[in-house]
C-alpha atoms as a PDB file:
ATOM      1  CA  MET A   1     172.820  33.923 169.268  1.00  0.00           C
ATOM      2  CA  LEU A   2     175.751  36.063 170.254  1.00  0.00           C
ATOM      3  CA  LYS A   3     177.160  35.064 173.632  1.00  0.00           C
ATOM      4  CA  GLN A   4     178.772  37.392 176.118  1.00  0.00           C
ATOM      5  CA  PHE A   5     180.903  36.217 179.028  1.00  0.00           C
ATOM      6  CA  LEU A   6     183.688  37.311 181.345  1.00  0.00           C
ATOM      7  CA  MET A   7     187.101  35.706 181.544  1.00  0.00           C
ATOM      8  CA  PHE A   8     190.285  36.264 183.483  1.00  0.00           C
ATOM      9  CA  ALA A   9     193.950  35.817 182.596  1.00  0.00           C
ATOM     10  CA  LEU A  10     197.349  36.745 183.990  1.00  0.00           C
ATOM     11  CA  CYS A  11     199.300  39.569 182.430  1.00  0.00           C
ATOM     12  CA  LEU A  12     203.119  39.591 182.126  1.00  0.00           C
ATOM     13  CA  SER A  13     205.621  41.373 179.917  1.00  0.00           C
ATOM     14  CA  THR A  14     208.877  40.513 178.181  1.00  0.00           C
ATOM     15  CA  VAL A  15     211.745  42.114 176.268  1.00  0.00           C
ATOM     16  CA  VAL A  16     212.738  43.136 172.740  1.00  0.00           C
ATOM     17  CA  VAL A  17     215.081  45.834 171.439  1.00  0.00           C
ATOM     18  CA  ALA A  18     214.165  49.287 170.115  1.00  0.00           C
ATOM     19  CA  GLN A  19     216.393  51.487 167.978  1.00  0.00           C
ATOM     20  CA  GLU A  20     216.359  55.261 167.611  1.00  0.00           C
ATOM     21  CA  ASP A  21     218.710  56.221 164.781  1.00  0.00           C
ATOM     22  CA  ASP A  22     222.038  54.610 165.895  1.00  0.00           C
ATOM     23  CA  GLU A  23     221.204  54.295 169.584  1.00  0.00           C
ATOM     24  CA  ASN A  24     219.895  50.962 170.905  1.00  0.00           C
ATOM     25  CA  VAL A  25     217.489  51.016 173.830  1.00  0.00           C
ATOM     26  CA  LYS A  26     216.892  47.820 175.794  1.00  0.00           C
ATOM     27  CA  ALA A  27     213.655  47.231 177.671  1.00  0.00           C
ATOM     28  CA  GLN A  28     213.417  45.807 181.178  1.00  0.00           C
ATOM     29  CA  GLU A  29     211.221  42.883 182.191  1.00  0.00           C
ATOM     30  CA  THR A  30     208.227  43.591 184.421  1.00  0.00           C
ATOM     31  CA  ILE A  31     205.416  41.520 185.902  1.00  0.00           C
ATOM     32  CA  HIS A  32     201.750  42.536 186.191  1.00  0.00           C
ATOM     33  CA  GLU A  33     200.008  40.436 188.816  1.00  0.00           C
ATOM     34  CA  LYS A  34     196.443  41.752 188.570  1.00  0.00           C
ATOM     35  CA  PRO A  35     194.477  39.933 185.849  1.00  0.00           C
ATOM     36  CA  PRO A  36     192.498  41.941 183.299  1.00  0.00           C
ATOM     37  CA  GLU A  37     188.730  41.512 183.130  1.00  0.00           C
ATOM     38  CA  TRP A  38     187.235  41.351 179.674  1.00  0.00           C
ATOM     39  CA  LYS A  39     183.993  40.656 177.836  1.00  0.00           C
ATOM     40  CA  MET A  40     183.792  38.486 174.733  1.00  0.00           C
ATOM     41  CA  TYR A  41     181.327  39.022 171.886  1.00  0.00           C
ATOM     42  CA  SER A  42     181.515  35.644 170.177  1.00  0.00           C
ATOM     43  CA  ALA A  43     181.251  35.544 166.393  1.00  0.00           C
ATOM     44  CA  GLY A  44     182.113  31.900 165.806  1.00  0.00           C
ATOM     45  CA  ALA A  45     184.651  32.913 163.150  1.00  0.00           C
ATOM     46  CA  PRO A  46     187.584  35.305 162.715  1.00  0.00           C
ATOM     47  CA  VAL A  47     186.484  38.943 162.785  1.00  0.00           C
ATOM     48  CA  VAL A  48     188.185  40.950 160.035  1.00  0.00           C
ATOM     49  CA  ALA A  49     186.716  44.390 160.827  1.00  0.00           C
ATOM     50  CA  PHE A  50     184.446  46.053 163.370  1.00  0.00           C
ATOM     51  CA  ALA A  51     183.081  49.395 164.562  1.00  0.00           C
ATOM     52  CA  VAL A  52     181.492  50.418 167.849  1.00  0.00           C
ATOM     53  CA  ALA A  53     178.353  52.523 167.508  1.00  0.00           C
ATOM     54  CA  LYS A  54     176.420  54.157 170.347  1.00  0.00           C
ATOM     55  CA  ASP A  55     174.294  51.108 171.118  1.00  0.00           C
ATOM     56  CA  ALA A  56     175.637  48.350 168.864  1.00  0.00           C
ATOM     57  CA  LEU A  57     178.750  46.492 167.829  1.00  0.00           C
ATOM     58  CA  TRP A  58     179.095  46.077 164.080  1.00  0.00           C
ATOM     59  CA  TYR A  59     181.494  43.407 162.855  1.00  0.00           C
ATOM     60  CA  ALA A  60     182.391  41.423 159.769  1.00  0.00           C
ATOM     61  CA  THR A  61     183.643  37.926 159.127  1.00  0.00           C
ATOM     62  CA  GLN A  62     184.820  36.820 155.696  1.00  0.00           C
ATOM     63  CA  GLU A  63     181.269  35.658 155.019  1.00  0.00           C
ATOM     64  CA  SER A  64     179.013  38.512 156.123  1.00  0.00           C
ATOM     65  CA  VAL A  65     178.337  41.627 158.224  1.00  0.00           C
ATOM     66  CA  TYR A  66     176.551  41.537 161.578  1.00  0.00           C
ATOM     67  CA  SER A  67     175.355  43.885 164.297  1.00  0.00           C
ATOM     68  CA  THR A  68     174.676  43.068 167.926  1.00  0.00           C
ATOM     69  CA  ALA A  69     173.158  45.206 170.657  1.00  0.00           C
ATOM     70  CA  LEU A  70     175.647  46.175 173.366  1.00  0.00           C
ATOM     71  CA  ASN A  71     173.236  46.299 176.285  1.00  0.00           C
ATOM     72  CA  LYS A  72     170.709  43.605 175.403  1.00  0.00           C
ATOM     73  CA  VAL A  73     170.496  40.270 173.645  1.00  0.00           C
ATOM     74  CA  GLY A  74     170.074  40.483 169.913  1.00  0.00           C
ATOM     75  CA  GLN A  75     171.951  39.997 166.656  1.00  0.00           C
ATOM     76  CA  GLN A  76     171.266  40.688 163.005  1.00  0.00           C
ATOM     77  CA  LYS A  77     172.977  39.450 159.863  1.00  0.00           C
ATOM     78  CA  TYR A  78     173.275  41.541 156.691  1.00  0.00           C
ATOM     79  CA  PRO A  79     174.119  39.350 153.657  1.00  0.00           C
ATOM     80  CA  GLN A  80     173.715  42.308 151.292  1.00  0.00           C
ATOM     81  CA  MET A  81     174.603  46.008 151.627  1.00  0.00           C
ATOM     82  CA  GLY A  82     172.702  47.879 148.976  1.00  0.00           C
ATOM     83  CA  LYS A  83     173.917  46.550 145.636  1.00  0.00           C
ATOM     84  CA  ILE A  84     177.144  45.020 146.983  1.00  0.00           C
ATOM     85  CA  PRO A  85     177.593  41.778 148.973  1.00  0.00           C
ATOM     86  CA  SER A  86     178.697  41.886 152.598  1.00  0.00           C
ATOM     87  CA  SER A  87     181.523  39.382 152.069  1.00  0.00           C
ATOM     88  CA  ASP A  88     185.213  40.331 151.848  1.00  0.00           C
ATOM     89  CA  VAL A  89     184.939  43.356 154.165  1.00  0.00           C
ATOM     90  CA  THR A  90     188.233  44.986 155.153  1.00  0.00           C
ATOM     91  CA  CYS A  91     187.370  48.041 157.266  1.00  0.00           C
ATOM     92  CA  MET A  92     184.655  49.893 159.197  1.00  0.00           C
ATOM     93  CA  THR A  93     184.190  53.234 160.923  1.00  0.00           C
ATOM     94  CA  ILE A  94     181.496  55.437 162.474  1.00  0.00           C
ATOM     95  CA  ASP A  95     181.164  58.965 161.090  1.00  0.00           C
ATOM     96  CA  ALA A  96     180.473  62.180 162.991  1.00  0.00           C
ATOM     97  CA  SER A  97     176.708  61.709 162.690  1.00  0.00           C
ATOM     98  CA  GLY A  98     176.749  58.088 163.877  1.00  0.00           C
ATOM     99  CA  LYS A  99     176.419  56.371 160.486  1.00  0.00           C
ATOM    100  CA  VAL A 100     178.261  53.074 159.993  1.00  0.00           C
ATOM    101  CA  TRP A 101     180.633  52.967 157.004  1.00  0.00           C
ATOM    102  CA  ILE A 102     181.868  49.624 155.688  1.00  0.00           C
ATOM    103  CA  GLY A 103     184.593  49.105 153.088  1.00  0.00           C
ATOM    104  CA  GLY A 104     185.701  45.952 151.321  1.00  0.00           C
ATOM    105  CA  LYS A 105     186.756  44.397 148.053  1.00  0.00           C
ATOM    106  CA  ASN A 106     183.409  45.229 146.458  1.00  0.00           C
ATOM    107  CA  GLY A 107     183.151  48.919 147.335  1.00  0.00           C
ATOM    108  CA  VAL A 108     181.758  50.978 150.230  1.00  0.00           C
ATOM    109  CA  ALA A 109     178.405  50.898 152.016  1.00  0.00           C
ATOM    110  CA  VAL A 110     176.918  53.229 154.616  1.00  0.00           C
ATOM    111  CA  ARG A 111     174.148  52.312 157.039  1.00  0.00           C
ATOM    112  CA  SER A 112     171.743  55.164 157.717  1.00  0.00           C
ATOM    113  CA  GLY A 113     168.564  54.395 159.627  1.00  0.00           C
ATOM    114  CA  ASN A 114     167.363  50.988 158.488  1.00  0.00           C
ATOM    115  CA  GLN A 115     168.942  50.849 155.052  1.00  0.00           C
ATOM    116  CA  PHE A 116     172.274  50.630 153.257  1.00  0.00           C
ATOM    117  CA  THR A 117     173.522  52.877 150.483  1.00  0.00           C
ATOM    118  CA  SER A 118     176.398  51.437 148.464  1.00  0.00           C
ATOM    119  CA  TYR A 119     179.121  53.108 146.411  1.00  0.00           C
ATOM    120  CA  THR A 120     181.427  51.721 143.727  1.00  0.00           C
ATOM    121  CA  THR A 121     183.455  53.194 140.891  1.00  0.00           C
ATOM    122  CA  GLU A 122     180.134  54.011 139.228  1.00  0.00           C
ATOM    123  CA  GLU A 123     179.468  56.525 142.026  1.00  0.00           C
ATOM    124  CA  GLY A 124     182.969  57.980 142.101  1.00  0.00           C
ATOM    125  CA  LEU A 125     185.239  55.603 144.033  1.00  0.00           C
ATOM    126  CA  PRO A 126     188.721  55.422 142.471  1.00  0.00           C
ATOM    127  CA  ASP A 127     188.656  51.626 142.865  1.00  0.00           C
ATOM    128  CA  ASN A 128     186.256  49.060 144.328  1.00  0.00           C
ATOM    129  CA  SER A 129     188.934  47.347 146.429  1.00  0.00           C
ATOM    130  CA  VAL A 130     188.957  49.405 149.641  1.00  0.00           C
ATOM    131  CA  ASN A 131     191.788  48.899 152.142  1.00  0.00           C
ATOM    132  CA  ASP A 132     190.960  51.429 154.858  1.00  0.00           C
ATOM    133  CA  ILE A 133     188.386  54.029 155.844  1.00  0.00           C
ATOM    134  CA  ALA A 134     188.477  56.985 158.255  1.00  0.00           C
ATOM    135  CA  ALA A 135     185.962  59.617 159.360  1.00  0.00           C
ATOM    136  CA  SER A 136     186.876  63.165 160.361  1.00  0.00           C
ATOM    137  CA  LYS A 137     185.224  65.270 163.050  1.00  0.00           C
ATOM    138  CA  ASP A 138     183.880  67.677 160.432  1.00  0.00           C
ATOM    139  CA  GLY A 139     181.815  64.965 158.732  1.00  0.00           C
ATOM    140  CA  LYS A 140     184.108  63.882 155.907  1.00  0.00           C
ATOM    141  CA  VAL A 141     184.812  60.210 155.165  1.00  0.00           C
ATOM    142  CA  TYR A 142     188.085  59.133 153.550  1.00  0.00           C
ATOM    143  CA  VAL A 143     188.809  55.831 151.818  1.00  0.00           C
ATOM    144  CA  GLY A 144     192.088  54.334 150.673  1.00  0.00           C
ATOM    145  CA  THR A 145     191.936  51.824 147.827  1.00  0.00           C
ATOM    146  CA  GLU A 146     194.216  49.757 145.631  1.00  0.00           C
ATOM    147  CA  ASN A 147     194.125  52.552 143.069  1.00  0.00           C
ATOM    148  CA  GLY A 148     193.851  55.860 144.880  1.00  0.00           C
ATOM    149  CA  ALA A 149     192.041  57.634 147.705  1.00  0.00           C
ATOM    150  CA  ALA A 150     188.834  59.638 147.840  1.00  0.00           C
ATOM    151  CA  VAL A 151     186.840  61.786 150.243  1.00  0.00           C
ATOM    152  CA  PHE A 152     183.056  61.785 150.655  1.00  0.00           C
ATOM    153  CA  GLN A 153     181.601  65.213 151.340  1.00  0.00           C
ATOM    154  CA  ASN A 154     178.255  66.866 150.624  1.00  0.00           C
ATOM    155  CA  GLY A 155     176.853  63.690 149.124  1.00  0.00           C
ATOM    156  CA  SER A 156     179.557  62.876 146.573  1.00  0.00           C
ATOM    157  CA  TRP A 157     183.040  61.388 146.216  1.00  0.00           C
ATOM    158  CA  LYS A 158     186.103  63.352 145.162  1.00  0.00           C
ATOM    159  CA  LYS A 159     189.355  61.641 144.176  1.00  0.00           C
ATOM    160  CA  ILE A 160     192.391  62.855 146.096  1.00  0.00           C
ATOM    161  CA  GLU A 161     195.319  63.979 143.967  1.00  0.00           C
ATOM    162  CA  GLY A 162     198.944  64.354 145.057  1.00  0.00           C
ATOM    163  CA  LEU A 163     199.645  61.026 146.782  1.00  0.00           C
ATOM    164  CA  VAL A 164     203.121  59.528 146.714  1.00  0.00           C
ATOM    165  CA  SER A 165     201.475  56.297 145.491  1.00  0.00           C
ATOM    166  CA  GLU A 166     197.964  55.319 144.426  1.00  0.00           C
ATOM    167  CA  LYS A 167     198.021  52.110 146.497  1.00  0.00           C
ATOM    168  CA  VAL A 168     196.682  53.412 149.825  1.00  0.00           C
ATOM    169  CA  GLN A 169     196.878  50.779 152.556  1.00  0.00           C
ATOM    170  CA  ALA A 170     196.230  52.742 155.768  1.00  0.00           C
ATOM    171  CA  LEU A 171     194.634  55.997 156.923  1.00  0.00           C
ATOM    172  CA  VAL A 172     194.648  58.067 160.092  1.00  0.00           C
ATOM    173  CA  ILE A 173     193.527  61.598 160.957  1.00  0.00           C
ATOM    174  CA  ASP A 174     195.750  63.374 163.480  1.00  0.00           C
ATOM    175  CA  ASN A 175     194.839  65.735 166.319  1.00  0.00           C
ATOM    176  CA  LYS A 176     195.022  68.783 164.031  1.00  0.00           C
ATOM    177  CA  GLY A 177     192.815  67.253 161.352  1.00  0.00           C
ATOM    178  CA  ALA A 178     195.610  66.419 158.903  1.00  0.00           C
ATOM    179  CA  VAL A 179     195.015  63.195 156.969  1.00  0.00           C
ATOM    180  CA  TRP A 180     197.836  60.637 156.782  1.00  0.00           C
ATOM    181  CA  PHE A 181     197.794  58.252 153.824  1.00  0.00           C
ATOM    182  CA  GLY A 182     199.995  55.171 154.234  1.00  0.00           C
ATOM    183  CA  THR A 183     200.984  53.682 150.887  1.00  0.00           C
ATOM    184  CA  ASN A 184     203.366  51.078 149.513  1.00  0.00           C
ATOM    185  CA  ARG A 185     205.824  53.903 148.718  1.00  0.00           C
ATOM    186  CA  GLY A 186     205.706  55.971 151.879  1.00  0.00           C
ATOM    187  CA  ILE A 187     203.338  58.346 153.665  1.00  0.00           C
ATOM    188  CA  SER A 188     201.556  61.371 152.210  1.00  0.00           C
ATOM    189  CA  VAL A 189     200.128  63.905 154.678  1.00  0.00           C
ATOM    190  CA  ASN A 190     197.490  66.428 153.650  1.00  0.00           C
ATOM    191  CA  ASP A 191     197.288  69.320 156.102  1.00  0.00           C
ATOM    192  CA  ASN A 192     194.587  71.680 154.867  1.00  0.00           C
ATOM    193  CA  GLY A 193     195.702  71.294 151.260  1.00  0.00           C
ATOM    194  CA  SER A 194     199.457  71.301 151.916  1.00  0.00           C
ATOM    195  CA  TRP A 195     201.244  68.017 151.176  1.00  0.00           C
ATOM    196  CA  THR A 196     204.222  66.438 152.965  1.00  0.00           C
ATOM    197  CA  VAL A 197     205.831  63.130 151.989  1.00  0.00           C
ATOM    198  CA  TYR A 198     207.703  60.807 154.349  1.00  0.00           C
ATOM    199  CA  ASP A 199     209.631  57.853 152.966  1.00  0.00           C
ATOM    200  CA  MET A 200     213.058  56.249 153.260  1.00  0.00           C
ATOM    201  CA  LYS A 201     214.618  59.344 151.660  1.00  0.00           C
ATOM    202  CA  LYS A 202     212.306  62.068 153.002  1.00  0.00           C
ATOM    203  CA  GLY A 203     211.682  61.607 156.685  1.00  0.00           C
ATOM    204  CA  LYS A 204     213.675  58.552 157.721  1.00  0.00           C
ATOM    205  CA  LEU A 205     211.082  55.793 157.431  1.00  0.00           C
ATOM    206  CA  SER A 206     212.844  52.460 157.788  1.00  0.00           C
ATOM    207  CA  TRP A 207     210.649  51.018 154.994  1.00  0.00           C
ATOM    208  CA  ASN A 208     208.315  52.613 152.457  1.00  0.00           C
ATOM    209  CA  ASP A 209     205.638  49.902 152.618  1.00  0.00           C
ATOM    210  CA  VAL A 210     203.181  51.191 155.261  1.00  0.00           C
ATOM    211  CA  LYS A 211     200.857  48.509 156.660  1.00  0.00           C
ATOM    212  CA  ALA A 212     199.050  50.343 159.497  1.00  0.00           C
ATOM    213  CA  LEU A 213     198.759  53.799 161.098  1.00  0.00           C
ATOM    214  CA  ALA A 214     197.494  55.174 164.424  1.00  0.00           C
ATOM    215  CA  VAL A 215     197.610  58.421 166.405  1.00  0.00           C
ATOM    216  CA  ASP A 216     198.177  58.982 170.117  1.00  0.00           C
ATOM    217  CA  ALA A 217     195.401  61.434 170.999  1.00  0.00           C
ATOM    218  CA  ARG A 218     197.213  62.572 174.170  1.00  0.00           C
ATOM    219  CA  LYS A 219     200.630  63.274 172.679  1.00  0.00           C
ATOM    220  CA  GLY A 220     199.883  63.659 168.987  1.00  0.00           C
ATOM    221  CA  THR A 221     202.399  60.951 168.089  1.00  0.00           C
ATOM    222  CA  ILE A 222     201.851  59.049 164.842  1.00  0.00           C
ATOM    223  CA  TRP A 223     202.636  55.317 164.863  1.00  0.00           C
ATOM    224  CA  ALA A 224     203.287  53.314 161.696  1.00  0.00           C
ATOM    225  CA  ALA A 225     203.888  49.642 160.962  1.00  0.00           C
ATOM    226  CA  VAL A 226     206.237  49.493 157.979  1.00  0.00           C
ATOM    227  CA  GLY A 227     207.920  46.748 156.001  1.00  0.00           C
ATOM    228  CA  GLU A 228     207.731  43.209 157.329  1.00  0.00           C
ATOM    229  CA  LYS A 229     208.704  43.779 160.974  1.00  0.00           C
ATOM    230  CA  ASP A 230     209.414  47.449 161.741  1.00  0.00           C
ATOM    231  CA  VAL A 231     207.587  50.121 163.722  1.00  0.00           C
ATOM    232  CA  ASN A 232     208.193  53.866 163.230  1.00  0.00           C
ATOM    233  CA  SER A 233     206.864  56.792 165.285  1.00  0.00           C
ATOM    234  CA  PHE A 234     206.678  60.516 164.534  1.00  0.00           C
ATOM    235  CA  GLU A 235     206.622  63.133 167.295  1.00  0.00           C
ATOM    236  CA  ASN A 236     207.610  66.820 167.296  1.00  0.00           C
ATOM    237  CA  GLY A 237     208.963  66.576 163.762  1.00  0.00           C
ATOM    238  CA  VAL A 238     211.248  63.605 164.465  1.00  0.00           C
ATOM    239  CA  TRP A 239     210.929  59.990 163.306  1.00  0.00           C
ATOM    240  CA  LYS A 240     211.967  57.194 165.641  1.00  0.00           C
ATOM    241  CA  THR A 241     212.641  53.666 164.400  1.00  0.00           C
ATOM    242  CA  TYR A 242     212.066  50.311 166.092  1.00  0.00           C
ATOM    243  CA  LEU A 243     213.578  47.489 164.067  1.00  0.00           C
ATOM    244  CA  GLU A 244     212.649  43.820 163.786  1.00  0.00           C
ATOM    245  CA  ILE A 245     209.696  43.924 166.193  1.00  0.00           C
ATOM    246  CA  GLN A 246     207.513  41.183 164.729  1.00  0.00           C
ATOM    247  CA  GLU A 247     206.177  39.994 161.390  1.00  0.00           C
ATOM    248  CA  GLY A 248     202.625  40.528 160.247  1.00  0.00           C
ATOM    249  CA  ILE A 249     201.523  43.699 162.065  1.00  0.00           C
ATOM    250  CA  LYS A 250     198.032  44.479 160.769  1.00  0.00           C
ATOM    251  CA  THR A 251     196.631  47.119 163.113  1.00  0.00           C
ATOM    252  CA  ILE A 252     197.705  49.625 165.797  1.00  0.00           C
ATOM    253  CA  MET A 253     195.871  51.122 168.784  1.00  0.00           C
ATOM    254  CA  VAL A 254     196.952  53.655 171.425  1.00  0.00           C
ATOM    255  CA  ASP A 255     195.265  53.321 174.823  1.00  0.00           C
ATOM    256  CA  SER A 256     194.349  56.143 177.223  1.00  0.00           C
ATOM    257  CA  GLN A 257     197.761  55.892 178.919  1.00  0.00           C
ATOM    258  CA  SER A 258     199.639  56.233 175.603  1.00  0.00           C
ATOM    259  CA  ARG A 259     200.655  52.582 175.513  1.00  0.00           C
ATOM    260  CA  ILE A 260     200.784  51.172 172.011  1.00  0.00           C
ATOM    261  CA  TRP A 261     199.088  47.913 171.027  1.00  0.00           C
ATOM    262  CA  PHE A 262     199.847  46.060 167.807  1.00  0.00           C
ATOM    263  CA  GLY A 263     197.677  43.318 166.324  1.00  0.00           C
ATOM    264  CA  THR A 264     199.526  40.663 164.368  1.00  0.00           C
ATOM    265  CA  GLU A 265     198.981  37.379 162.572  1.00  0.00           C
ATOM    266  CA  THR A 266     200.086  35.598 165.749  1.00  0.00           C
ATOM    267  CA  GLY A 267     198.489  37.729 168.481  1.00  0.00           C
ATOM    268  CA  LEU A 268     199.254  40.943 170.360  1.00  0.00           C
ATOM    269  CA  ILE A 269     202.206  43.197 171.144  1.00  0.00           C
ATOM    270  CA  LYS A 270     202.167  45.941 173.776  1.00  0.00           C
ATOM    271  CA  PHE A 271     204.700  48.781 174.128  1.00  0.00           C
ATOM    272  CA  ASN A 272     204.689  51.307 176.979  1.00  0.00           C
ATOM    273  CA  GLY A 273     207.489  53.514 175.671  1.00  0.00           C
ATOM    274  CA  ASP A 274     210.256  51.543 177.379  1.00  0.00           C
ATOM    275  CA  GLU A 275     209.163  47.922 177.511  1.00  0.00           C
ATOM    276  CA  TRP A 276     207.893  45.644 174.773  1.00  0.00           C
ATOM    277  CA  ASN A 277     205.821  42.506 175.233  1.00  0.00           C
ATOM    278  CA  THR A 278     205.630  40.260 172.194  1.00  0.00           C
ATOM    279  CA  ASP A 279     204.102  37.234 173.958  1.00  0.00           C
ATOM    280  CA  SER A 280     200.344  37.648 173.503  1.00  0.00           C
ATOM    281  CA  LYS A 281     199.587  34.833 175.958  1.00  0.00           C
ATOM    282  CA  GLN A 282     201.198  36.853 178.738  1.00  0.00           C
ATOM    283  CA  LEU A 283     199.132  39.976 178.031  1.00  0.00           C
ATOM    284  CA  GLY A 284     195.921  38.492 179.389  1.00  0.00           C
ATOM    285  CA  ILE A 285     193.930  38.943 176.164  1.00  0.00           C
ATOM    286  CA  PRO A 286     193.245  35.574 174.489  1.00  0.00           C
ATOM    287  CA  ALA A 287     194.109  35.857 170.821  1.00  0.00           C
ATOM    288  CA  ALA A 288     195.948  33.650 168.361  1.00  0.00           C
ATOM    289  CA  GLN A 289     195.600  36.410 165.770  1.00  0.00           C
ATOM    290  CA  ILE A 290     194.399  40.014 165.805  1.00  0.00           C
ATOM    291  CA  GLN A 291     192.916  41.683 162.723  1.00  0.00           C
ATOM    292  CA  LYS A 292     191.694  44.999 164.158  1.00  0.00           C
ATOM    293  CA  LEU A 293     192.105  47.110 167.320  1.00  0.00           C
ATOM    294  CA  TYR A 294     190.108  50.106 168.533  1.00  0.00           C
ATOM    295  CA  LYS A 295     189.899  52.470 171.522  1.00  0.00           C
ATOM    296  CA  ASP A 296     186.452  53.981 171.984  1.00  0.00           C
ATOM    297  CA  GLY A 297     185.557  57.414 173.344  1.00  0.00           C
ATOM    298  CA  GLY A 298     185.439  56.085 176.895  1.00  0.00           C
ATOM    299  CA  GLY A 299     188.947  54.662 176.655  1.00  0.00           C
ATOM    300  CA  ASN A 300     187.711  51.060 176.487  1.00  0.00           C
ATOM    301  CA  LEU A 301     189.848  48.748 174.351  1.00  0.00           C
ATOM    302  CA  TRP A 302     188.438  46.459 171.678  1.00  0.00           C
ATOM    303  CA  PHE A 303     190.247  43.518 170.058  1.00  0.00           C
ATOM    304  CA  ALA A 304     189.047  41.524 167.018  1.00  0.00           C
ATOM    305  CA  ASN A 305     190.442  38.010 167.249  1.00  0.00           C
ATOM    306  CA  GLU A 306     189.973  34.618 165.618  1.00  0.00           C
ATOM    307  CA  SER A 307     186.568  33.978 167.225  1.00  0.00           C
ATOM    308  CA  GLY A 308     184.949  37.337 167.998  1.00  0.00           C
ATOM    309  CA  VAL A 309     185.503  40.751 169.559  1.00  0.00           C
ATOM    310  CA  ILE A 310     186.885  41.345 173.060  1.00  0.00           C
ATOM    311  CA  LYS A 311     186.167  44.452 175.126  1.00  0.00           C
ATOM    312  CA  LEU A 312     188.500  45.527 177.945  1.00  0.00           C
ATOM    313  CA  ASN A 313     186.993  48.249 180.117  1.00  0.00           C
ATOM    314  CA  ASN A 314     188.732  51.445 181.162  1.00  0.00           C
ATOM    315  CA  PRO A 315     190.351  51.853 183.703  1.00  0.00           C
ATOM    316  CA  TYR A 316     192.701  49.032 182.835  1.00  0.00           C
ATOM    317  CA  PRO A 317     194.068  46.674 185.506  1.00  0.00           C
ATOM    318  CA  PHE A 318     197.666  47.143 184.310  1.00  0.00           C
END
């Protein structure tokens, strides 16, 4: 049975260095004395992906996919999703109509009503190994795979042509509806059919290997984790580079106050535009590792850690 409980922890912040072109910017140390209040949805194992529906939390461990009701006790396990197994899931999202989409190493599945429909290369995916998935406001669903990207529209998949590389590792849709494809050779942006490429030569990325992407809904800024340790941001046509932040950044989230959260193999990082905190124990969110981050429509923050999913309610105490 899924357990829910409240915990408290102190929240502090520390210092690292950011770089914009040739100018170094040093952060100042601050202390947050009010502890954050959070709710834990225990999974009993590391959560590798999750999505928050209207009345349920969907999440995946390496073994299987589960759903749990948000406002009442109840959990269900799904060992099979249509014709594909529910193991080795990598990503989830909720589309504009409320359907749950799940991607993994075996293809894609969508939950509609009480049943799954699955898709593989036989139904038009460019590859069965899916790295990321994103849903647009107009009802389209995009997937990035080890061998290309595709969009699902009007009941069928269409392969996307024109990418800088076929290995698509991250996706994000910006405030204007443009789709950003993060690959191992840079970023391709499709804005209503017009392509732009950003890489180490075209656009000043510090590395071409893009591991994660996110958008700041308030400012329109795009955030990217690139290479082994770097973070890049794009705002008003200009790229900004932050070097040597931390290894193993897997996921990025922007909260309702435009502070940037990074999930890593060793925990959390938070950046408020001036100050960095790379000590996850001081942030007040218990996590030895973070696989996925998400901000819901109400501004609440969700963290997938080594034992479940944590929810931090908006407004935040820091």
